[in-house]
Amino acid sequence: MAFYFSNLILQTAYNNFCEYLQKNGVRSFYLYTDDSSDYGFYEHNGLEKLVEKRFYWDEGNEETVETYYLYGRNFS
């Protein structure tokens, strides 16, 4: 049940954020995140993955790799 309420809060906050942007004439926004986040949420809510970049904290060591993403959304 806690998972449902946390998702409901996140969804409500995101919807309020988008509504605020649109009311203030913002036509697009960008979000920078990494592979430890719930990026499926962004894709489910209309954001498009624009760039994906892998970064090695220790060059060539797969155990130290992180993936970063840039998402964007345009409002019509």
C-alpha atoms as a PDB file:
ATOM      1  CA  MET A   1       0.000   0.000   0.000  1.00  0.00           C
ATOM      2  CA  ALA A   2       2.880   2.388   0.760  1.00  0.00           C
ATOM      3  CA  PHE A   3       4.209   1.846  -2.776  1.00  0.00           C
ATOM      4  CA  TYR A   4       0.847   2.870  -4.225  1.00  0.00           C
ATOM      5  CA  PHE A   5       0.735   6.062  -2.166  1.00  0.00           C
ATOM      6  CA  SER A   6       4.330   7.019  -2.992  1.00  0.00           C
ATOM      7  CA  ASN A   7       3.592   6.563  -6.700  1.00  0.00           C
ATOM      8  CA  LEU A   8       0.366   8.554  -6.317  1.00  0.00           C
ATOM      9  CA  ILE A   9       2.294  11.382  -4.641  1.00  0.00           C
ATOM     10  CA  LEU A  10       4.985  11.295  -7.335  1.00  0.00           C
ATOM     11  CA  GLN A  11       2.382  11.298 -10.124  1.00  0.00           C
ATOM     12  CA  THR A  12       0.463  14.176  -8.530  1.00  0.00           C
ATOM     13  CA  ALA A  13       3.635  16.217  -8.053  1.00  0.00           C
ATOM     14  CA  TYR A  14       4.680  15.588 -11.661  1.00  0.00           C
ATOM     15  CA  ASN A  15       1.250  16.558 -12.990  1.00  0.00           C
ATOM     16  CA  ASN A  16       1.263  19.751 -10.903  1.00  0.00           C
ATOM     17  CA  PHE A  17       4.764  20.564 -12.150  1.00  0.00           C
ATOM     18  CA  CYS A  18       3.731  20.166 -15.803  1.00  0.00           C
ATOM     19  CA  GLU A  19       0.583  22.217 -15.243  1.00  0.00           C
ATOM     20  CA  TYR A  20       2.635  24.981 -13.619  1.00  0.00           C
ATOM     21  CA  LEU A  21       5.080  25.046 -16.539  1.00  0.00           C
ATOM     22  CA  GLN A  22       2.302  25.221 -19.115  1.00  0.00           C
ATOM     23  CA  LYS A  23       0.434  27.990 -17.249  1.00  0.00           C
ATOM     24  CA  ASN A  24       3.645  30.008 -17.265  1.00  0.00           C
ATOM     25  CA  GLY A  25       4.286  29.627 -20.983  1.00  0.00           C
ATOM     26  CA  VAL A  26       7.069  27.057 -20.841  1.00  0.00           C
ATOM     27  CA  ARG A  27       7.109  25.072 -24.064  1.00  0.00           C
ATOM     28  CA  SER A  28       9.577  22.333 -23.078  1.00  0.00           C
ATOM     29  CA  PHE A  29      11.752  21.067 -20.249  1.00  0.00           C
ATOM     30  CA  TYR A  30      14.647  18.685 -19.750  1.00  0.00           C
ATOM     31  CA  LEU A  31      15.486  16.196 -17.012  1.00  0.00           C
ATOM     32  CA  TYR A  32      18.919  14.709 -16.320  1.00  0.00           C
ATOM     33  CA  THR A  33      19.021  11.377 -14.481  1.00  0.00           C
ATOM     34  CA  ASP A  34      20.950   8.138 -14.126  1.00  0.00           C
ATOM     35  CA  ASP A  35      20.291   4.411 -14.198  1.00  0.00           C
ATOM     36  CA  SER A  36      19.601   4.239 -10.462  1.00  0.00           C
ATOM     37  CA  SER A  37      16.375   6.231 -10.872  1.00  0.00           C
ATOM     38  CA  ASP A  38      12.956   5.061 -11.981  1.00  0.00           C
ATOM     39  CA  TYR A  39      13.369   6.328 -15.537  1.00  0.00           C
ATOM     40  CA  GLY A  40      10.456   4.160 -16.649  1.00  0.00           C
ATOM     41  CA  PHE A  41       8.263   6.706 -14.871  1.00  0.00           C
ATOM     42  CA  TYR A  42       9.561   9.450 -17.162  1.00  0.00           C
ATOM     43  CA  GLU A  43       8.936   7.452 -20.323  1.00  0.00           C
ATOM     44  CA  HIS A  44       5.460   6.480 -19.127  1.00  0.00           C
ATOM     45  CA  ASN A  45       4.666  10.172 -18.607  1.00  0.00           C
ATOM     46  CA  GLY A  46       5.583  11.479 -22.035  1.00  0.00           C
ATOM     47  CA  LEU A  47       9.255  12.314 -21.707  1.00  0.00           C
ATOM     48  CA  GLU A  48      11.510  11.264 -24.562  1.00  0.00           C
ATOM     49  CA  LYS A  49      15.001   9.894 -23.999  1.00  0.00           C
ATOM     50  CA  LEU A  50      17.256  12.252 -25.961  1.00  0.00           C
ATOM     51  CA  VAL A  51      20.739  11.106 -24.952  1.00  0.00           C
ATOM     52  CA  GLU A  52      22.219   8.095 -23.178  1.00  0.00           C
ATOM     53  CA  LYS A  53      25.845   8.118 -22.051  1.00  0.00           C
ATOM     54  CA  ARG A  54      27.849   5.486 -20.174  1.00  0.00           C
ATOM     55  CA  PHE A  55      30.502   6.720 -17.754  1.00  0.00           C
ATOM     56  CA  TYR A  56      33.275   4.603 -16.218  1.00  0.00           C
ATOM     57  CA  TRP A  57      34.541   5.764 -12.836  1.00  0.00           C
ATOM     58  CA  ASP A  58      37.445   3.342 -13.410  1.00  0.00           C
ATOM     59  CA  GLU A  59      38.058   3.175 -17.178  1.00  0.00           C
ATOM     60  CA  GLY A  60      37.158  -0.215 -18.617  1.00  0.00           C
ATOM     61  CA  ASN A  61      35.922  -1.653 -15.302  1.00  0.00           C
ATOM     62  CA  GLU A  62      32.310  -2.723 -15.893  1.00  0.00           C
ATOM     63  CA  GLU A  63      31.644  -2.733 -12.152  1.00  0.00           C
ATOM     64  CA  THR A  64      32.132   1.045 -12.034  1.00  0.00           C
ATOM     65  CA  VAL A  65      29.992   1.992 -15.024  1.00  0.00           C
ATOM     66  CA  GLU A  66      26.964   4.253 -14.667  1.00  0.00           C
ATOM     67  CA  THR A  67      24.569   5.285 -17.390  1.00  0.00           C
ATOM     68  CA  TYR A  68      23.224   8.828 -17.584  1.00  0.00           C
ATOM     69  CA  TYR A  69      20.174   9.986 -19.514  1.00  0.00           C
ATOM     70  CA  LEU A  70      18.817  13.274 -20.753  1.00  0.00           C
ATOM     71  CA  TYR A  71      15.039  13.327 -21.165  1.00  0.00           C
ATOM     72  CA  GLY A  72      12.902  16.058 -22.645  1.00  0.00           C
ATOM     73  CA  ARG A  73       9.263  16.919 -23.081  1.00  0.00           C
ATOM     74  CA  ASN A  74       7.563  19.416 -25.346  1.00  0.00           C
ATOM     75  CA  PHE A  75       4.156  20.822 -24.540  1.00  0.00           C
ATOM     76  CA  SER A  76       1.775  21.312 -27.448  1.00  0.00           C
END
